[in-house]
Every structure is written in structure tokens, then in C-alpha cells.
Amino acid sequence: MTIGEKIISLRKKYNFTQEKLAEKIDISRQTLSSWEGDITSPDLKQASILAKIFKISLDELVSNNVEFECKDNLKNKQIFSKLINKTAYLNFDDEFLDLDINLFDTPVKILSINDDFIKIEYQKKKKIQIKLIDMDLITSIKVIEGDDL
């Protein structure tokens, strides 16, 4: 899969128009179109921005050997279903600082999870709290020892 094909697949997966994605990268729609057509390629800074937007590594974006499936989320659903009722630590995107508790160091119980949201339960000052968090903000989920999948 070429870098242009990957950009098209990821752009469609995230429901971005060429115009919207180009705006996020601060380039013209025509420049994005030439990347998607494999006429030109993004420079390192632009590729880094693309990788961050799509939550993938630069290797995944530029390597010809790495491919991913954007249409079928069945595998994700199977993995997510195994996380329900597990205790874990969540890591978040750097831009997500709007929590009333530092969940980076707080074990949470996963109540439900899907492609869009994760519902968690945690203890704060002897009270049980329940929170719904956008999955796009979570960068990793680490299941606590003894709760391994």
C-alpha cells in the first residue's frame, strides 16, 4: 500500500474530506490531492502531523510493508469485549487534561467499551465515580497484573 493509498484510507476512516484534512495539516487541498495520487509526498513535519492525527506511527504511515484494515472493526470489538470488568490504567493524548482526577496513576474498572467510548469506574476520596471517555483520547490501556487477558 502506498503512502497515498494509506492517506486516502485513513482520511475516509476518520470521515475527513480532503478540505478538512488539508486544513488540519495547514496545506492546500491540491497538495493533499497530489499526496493521495502519489504524485508528491509529505515532508517529515507534515508526515508527523498526519501520523498524530491518525494515531499511527510514522513507520506505519510511510512503510510499504505495513498495512492496516480500516473497514472492519470486528477484531477491535473482540479485543474490547475482553476488557470489560478488567482493572486497568489508561494513558491519554497529551491534549486531554480535563479530568477531575489523575487517571494516569489511578486504576480503573472498565464497565463497557466500544469504538467510540469507554465507561470506567474508579474511587475518588472514598466515593465511587463513573466516567464516560472518548476512545480517541486514549493512547493505551494497560491491564493490571492478575487481570491479564
C-alpha atoms as a PDB file:
ATOM      1  CA  MET A   1       0.000   0.000   0.000  1.00  0.00           C
ATOM      2  CA  THR A   2       1.479   3.363  -0.990  1.00  0.00           C
ATOM      3  CA  ILE A   3       1.524   6.398   1.282  1.00  0.00           C
ATOM      4  CA  GLY A   4      -1.134   7.992  -0.911  1.00  0.00           C
ATOM      5  CA  GLU A   5      -3.410   4.959  -0.556  1.00  0.00           C
ATOM      6  CA  LYS A   6      -2.859   4.974   3.220  1.00  0.00           C
ATOM      7  CA  ILE A   7      -3.756   8.652   3.462  1.00  0.00           C
ATOM      8  CA  ILE A   8      -6.957   8.041   1.474  1.00  0.00           C
ATOM      9  CA  SER A   9      -7.938   5.041   3.647  1.00  0.00           C
ATOM     10  CA  LEU A  10      -7.222   6.846   6.899  1.00  0.00           C
ATOM     11  CA  ARG A  11      -8.919  10.044   5.753  1.00  0.00           C
ATOM     12  CA  LYS A  12     -12.058   8.063   4.917  1.00  0.00           C
ATOM     13  CA  LYS A  13     -11.856   6.086   8.166  1.00  0.00           C
ATOM     14  CA  TYR A  14     -11.883   9.349  10.109  1.00  0.00           C
ATOM     15  CA  ASN A  15     -14.580  10.827   7.833  1.00  0.00           C
ATOM     16  CA  PHE A  16     -12.423  13.766   6.750  1.00  0.00           C
ATOM     17  CA  THR A  17     -12.902  15.486   3.424  1.00  0.00           C
ATOM     18  CA  GLN A  18      -9.732  16.464   1.591  1.00  0.00           C
ATOM     19  CA  GLU A  19     -10.521  20.057   2.519  1.00  0.00           C
ATOM     20  CA  LYS A  20     -10.894  19.293   6.250  1.00  0.00           C
ATOM     21  CA  LEU A  21      -7.716  17.185   6.463  1.00  0.00           C
ATOM     22  CA  ALA A  22      -5.707  19.738   4.468  1.00  0.00           C
ATOM     23  CA  GLU A  23      -6.864  22.427   6.893  1.00  0.00           C
ATOM     24  CA  LYS A  24      -5.671  20.343   9.885  1.00  0.00           C
ATOM     25  CA  ILE A  25      -2.215  19.974   8.282  1.00  0.00           C
ATOM     26  CA  ASP A  26      -2.153  23.604   7.117  1.00  0.00           C
ATOM     27  CA  ILE A  27      -1.728  22.758   3.430  1.00  0.00           C
ATOM     28  CA  SER A  28      -3.883  23.244   0.343  1.00  0.00           C
ATOM     29  CA  ARG A  29      -6.424  20.666  -0.781  1.00  0.00           C
ATOM     30  CA  GLN A  30      -4.457  20.378  -4.025  1.00  0.00           C
ATOM     31  CA  THR A  31      -1.292  19.417  -2.110  1.00  0.00           C
ATOM     32  CA  LEU A  32      -3.216  16.710  -0.260  1.00  0.00           C
ATOM     33  CA  SER A  33      -4.654  15.507  -3.557  1.00  0.00           C
ATOM     34  CA  SER A  34      -1.146  15.172  -5.007  1.00  0.00           C
ATOM     35  CA  TRP A  35      -0.082  13.100  -1.962  1.00  0.00           C
ATOM     36  CA  GLU A  36      -3.118  10.839  -2.359  1.00  0.00           C
ATOM     37  CA  GLY A  37      -2.306  10.430  -6.054  1.00  0.00           C
ATOM     38  CA  ASP A  38       1.322   9.544  -5.179  1.00  0.00           C
ATOM     39  CA  ILE A  39       2.498  12.476  -7.294  1.00  0.00           C
ATOM     40  CA  THR A  40       4.321  14.039  -4.322  1.00  0.00           C
ATOM     41  CA  SER A  41       4.800  13.034  -0.678  1.00  0.00           C
ATOM     42  CA  PRO A  42       4.532  14.896   2.613  1.00  0.00           C
ATOM     43  CA  ASP A  43       7.756  16.171   4.163  1.00  0.00           C
ATOM     44  CA  LEU A  44       8.803  14.864   7.586  1.00  0.00           C
ATOM     45  CA  LYS A  45       6.955  17.564   9.533  1.00  0.00           C
ATOM     46  CA  GLN A  46       3.757  17.033   7.538  1.00  0.00           C
ATOM     47  CA  ALA A  47       4.042  13.240   7.843  1.00  0.00           C
ATOM     48  CA  SER A  48       4.464  13.633  11.602  1.00  0.00           C
ATOM     49  CA  ILE A  49       1.281  15.729  11.774  1.00  0.00           C
ATOM     50  CA  LEU A  50      -0.578  13.110   9.701  1.00  0.00           C
ATOM     51  CA  ALA A  51       0.615  10.312  11.986  1.00  0.00           C
ATOM     52  CA  LYS A  52      -0.573  12.214  15.056  1.00  0.00           C
ATOM     53  CA  ILE A  53      -3.973  12.974  13.503  1.00  0.00           C
ATOM     54  CA  PHE A  54      -4.460   9.312  12.547  1.00  0.00           C
ATOM     55  CA  LYS A  55      -2.918   7.985  15.783  1.00  0.00           C
ATOM     56  CA  ILE A  56      -0.361   5.816  13.987  1.00  0.00           C
ATOM     57  CA  SER A  57       3.435   5.757  13.932  1.00  0.00           C
ATOM     58  CA  LEU A  58       5.479   7.340  11.167  1.00  0.00           C
ATOM     59  CA  ASP A  59       6.626   3.816  10.237  1.00  0.00           C
ATOM     60  CA  GLU A  60       3.027   2.745   9.728  1.00  0.00           C
ATOM     61  CA  LEU A  61       2.423   5.773   7.540  1.00  0.00           C
ATOM     62  CA  VAL A  62       5.475   5.568   5.281  1.00  0.00           C
ATOM     63  CA  SER A  63       6.422   1.873   5.216  1.00  0.00           C
ATOM     64  CA  ASN A  64       5.370  -0.126   2.177  1.00  0.00           C
ATOM     65  CA  ASN A  65       5.337  -3.279   4.302  1.00  0.00           C
ATOM     66  CA  VAL A  66       2.870  -2.113   6.927  1.00  0.00           C
ATOM     67  CA  GLU A  67      -0.809  -2.325   6.027  1.00  0.00           C
ATOM     68  CA  PHE A  68      -3.911  -1.930   8.125  1.00  0.00           C
ATOM     69  CA  GLU A  69      -7.600  -2.574   7.639  1.00  0.00           C
ATOM     70  CA  CYS A  70      -9.842   0.446   8.051  1.00  0.00           C
ATOM     71  CA  LYS A  71     -13.240  -1.027   7.190  1.00  0.00           C
ATOM     72  CA  ASP A  72     -13.622  -3.987   9.551  1.00  0.00           C
ATOM     73  CA  ASN A  73     -13.650  -3.248  13.271  1.00  0.00           C
ATOM     74  CA  LEU A  74     -14.584  -6.829  14.223  1.00  0.00           C
ATOM     75  CA  LYS A  75     -11.139  -7.520  15.677  1.00  0.00           C
ATOM     76  CA  ASN A  76     -11.336  -4.341  17.801  1.00  0.00           C
ATOM     77  CA  LYS A  77     -14.763  -5.387  19.082  1.00  0.00           C
ATOM     78  CA  GLN A  78     -13.406  -8.799  20.102  1.00  0.00           C
ATOM     79  CA  ILE A  79     -10.469  -7.193  21.933  1.00  0.00           C
ATOM     80  CA  PHE A  80     -12.693  -4.571  23.557  1.00  0.00           C
ATOM     81  CA  SER A  81     -15.178  -7.159  24.808  1.00  0.00           C
ATOM     82  CA  LYS A  82     -12.349  -8.909  26.686  1.00  0.00           C
ATOM     83  CA  LEU A  83     -11.571  -5.692  28.591  1.00  0.00           C
ATOM     84  CA  ILE A  84     -14.988  -5.411  30.239  1.00  0.00           C
ATOM     85  CA  ASN A  85     -14.783  -5.875  34.029  1.00  0.00           C
ATOM     86  CA  LYS A  86     -10.961  -5.711  33.928  1.00  0.00           C
ATOM     87  CA  THR A  87      -8.947  -3.305  36.049  1.00  0.00           C
ATOM     88  CA  ALA A  88      -6.511  -1.179  34.068  1.00  0.00           C
ATOM     89  CA  TYR A  89      -4.518   2.024  33.757  1.00  0.00           C
ATOM     90  CA  LEU A  90      -5.411   4.431  30.957  1.00  0.00           C
ATOM     91  CA  ASN A  91      -2.986   6.721  29.128  1.00  0.00           C
ATOM     92  CA  PHE A  92      -4.345   9.750  27.337  1.00  0.00           C
ATOM     93  CA  ASP A  93      -3.483  12.040  24.473  1.00  0.00           C
ATOM     94  CA  ASP A  94      -1.360  14.950  25.760  1.00  0.00           C
ATOM     95  CA  GLU A  95      -4.142  17.377  24.874  1.00  0.00           C
ATOM     96  CA  PHE A  96      -6.573  15.677  27.293  1.00  0.00           C
ATOM     97  CA  LEU A  97      -6.186  17.376  30.656  1.00  0.00           C
ATOM     98  CA  ASP A  98      -9.846  17.928  31.522  1.00  0.00           C
ATOM     99  CA  LEU A  99     -10.232  15.229  34.175  1.00  0.00           C
ATOM    100  CA  ASP A 100     -11.002  15.962  37.805  1.00  0.00           C
ATOM    101  CA  ILE A 101      -8.607  13.170  38.829  1.00  0.00           C
ATOM    102  CA  ASN A 102      -5.258  11.990  37.570  1.00  0.00           C
ATOM    103  CA  LEU A 103      -6.316   8.744  35.875  1.00  0.00           C
ATOM    104  CA  PHE A 104      -2.756   8.165  34.643  1.00  0.00           C
ATOM    105  CA  ASP A 105      -1.918   6.705  38.078  1.00  0.00           C
ATOM    106  CA  THR A 106      -5.385   5.572  39.094  1.00  0.00           C
ATOM    107  CA  PRO A 107      -6.571   2.022  38.462  1.00  0.00           C
ATOM    108  CA  VAL A 108      -9.982   1.978  36.798  1.00  0.00           C
ATOM    109  CA  LYS A 109     -12.532  -0.767  36.241  1.00  0.00           C
ATOM    110  CA  ILE A 110     -13.780  -0.937  32.658  1.00  0.00           C
ATOM    111  CA  LEU A 111     -17.583  -1.159  32.703  1.00  0.00           C
ATOM    112  CA  SER A 112     -18.234  -1.005  28.968  1.00  0.00           C
ATOM    113  CA  ILE A 113     -16.280  -0.190  25.843  1.00  0.00           C
ATOM    114  CA  ASN A 114     -16.841   0.269  22.115  1.00  0.00           C
ATOM    115  CA  ASP A 115     -15.169   2.009  19.177  1.00  0.00           C
ATOM    116  CA  ASP A 116     -16.314   5.423  20.419  1.00  0.00           C
ATOM    117  CA  PHE A 117     -16.417   5.450  24.232  1.00  0.00           C
ATOM    118  CA  ILE A 118     -15.132   3.694  27.318  1.00  0.00           C
ATOM    119  CA  LYS A 119     -17.158   3.739  30.535  1.00  0.00           C
ATOM    120  CA  ILE A 120     -14.980   3.442  33.628  1.00  0.00           C
ATOM    121  CA  GLU A 121     -15.388   3.276  37.377  1.00  0.00           C
ATOM    122  CA  TYR A 122     -12.791   4.459  39.893  1.00  0.00           C
ATOM    123  CA  GLN A 123     -12.539   5.515  43.505  1.00  0.00           C
ATOM    124  CA  LYS A 124     -12.043   9.156  44.471  1.00  0.00           C
ATOM    125  CA  LYS A 125     -11.942  10.096  48.154  1.00  0.00           C
ATOM    126  CA  LYS A 126     -13.889   7.002  49.258  1.00  0.00           C
ATOM    127  CA  LYS A 127     -16.577   7.618  46.617  1.00  0.00           C
ATOM    128  CA  ILE A 128     -17.088   5.534  43.503  1.00  0.00           C
ATOM    129  CA  GLN A 129     -17.010   7.672  40.350  1.00  0.00           C
ATOM    130  CA  ILE A 130     -18.235   6.651  36.880  1.00  0.00           C
ATOM    131  CA  LYS A 131     -16.980   8.443  33.781  1.00  0.00           C
ATOM    132  CA  LEU A 132     -17.552   8.123  30.031  1.00  0.00           C
ATOM    133  CA  ILE A 133     -14.415   8.922  27.989  1.00  0.00           C
ATOM    134  CA  ASP A 134     -13.996   9.361  24.243  1.00  0.00           C
ATOM    135  CA  MET A 135     -11.836   6.495  22.883  1.00  0.00           C
ATOM    136  CA  ASP A 136      -9.987   8.916  20.583  1.00  0.00           C
ATOM    137  CA  LEU A 137      -8.396  10.476  23.677  1.00  0.00           C
ATOM    138  CA  ILE A 138      -6.948   7.181  24.952  1.00  0.00           C
ATOM    139  CA  THR A 139      -3.497   6.238  23.698  1.00  0.00           C
ATOM    140  CA  SER A 140      -3.138   2.964  25.621  1.00  0.00           C
ATOM    141  CA  ILE A 141      -4.858   0.644  28.069  1.00  0.00           C
ATOM    142  CA  LYS A 142      -2.707  -1.424  30.411  1.00  0.00           C
ATOM    143  CA  VAL A 143      -4.492  -4.267  32.175  1.00  0.00           C
ATOM    144  CA  ILE A 144      -3.279  -4.671  35.769  1.00  0.00           C
ATOM    145  CA  GLU A 145      -1.381  -7.881  36.593  1.00  0.00           C
ATOM    146  CA  GLY A 146      -3.719 -10.680  37.563  1.00  0.00           C
ATOM    147  CA  ASP A 147      -6.319  -9.327  35.166  1.00  0.00           C
ATOM    148  CA  ASP A 148      -4.332 -10.237  32.055  1.00  0.00           C
ATOM    149  CA  LEU A 149      -6.354 -11.184  29.002  1.00  0.00           C
END
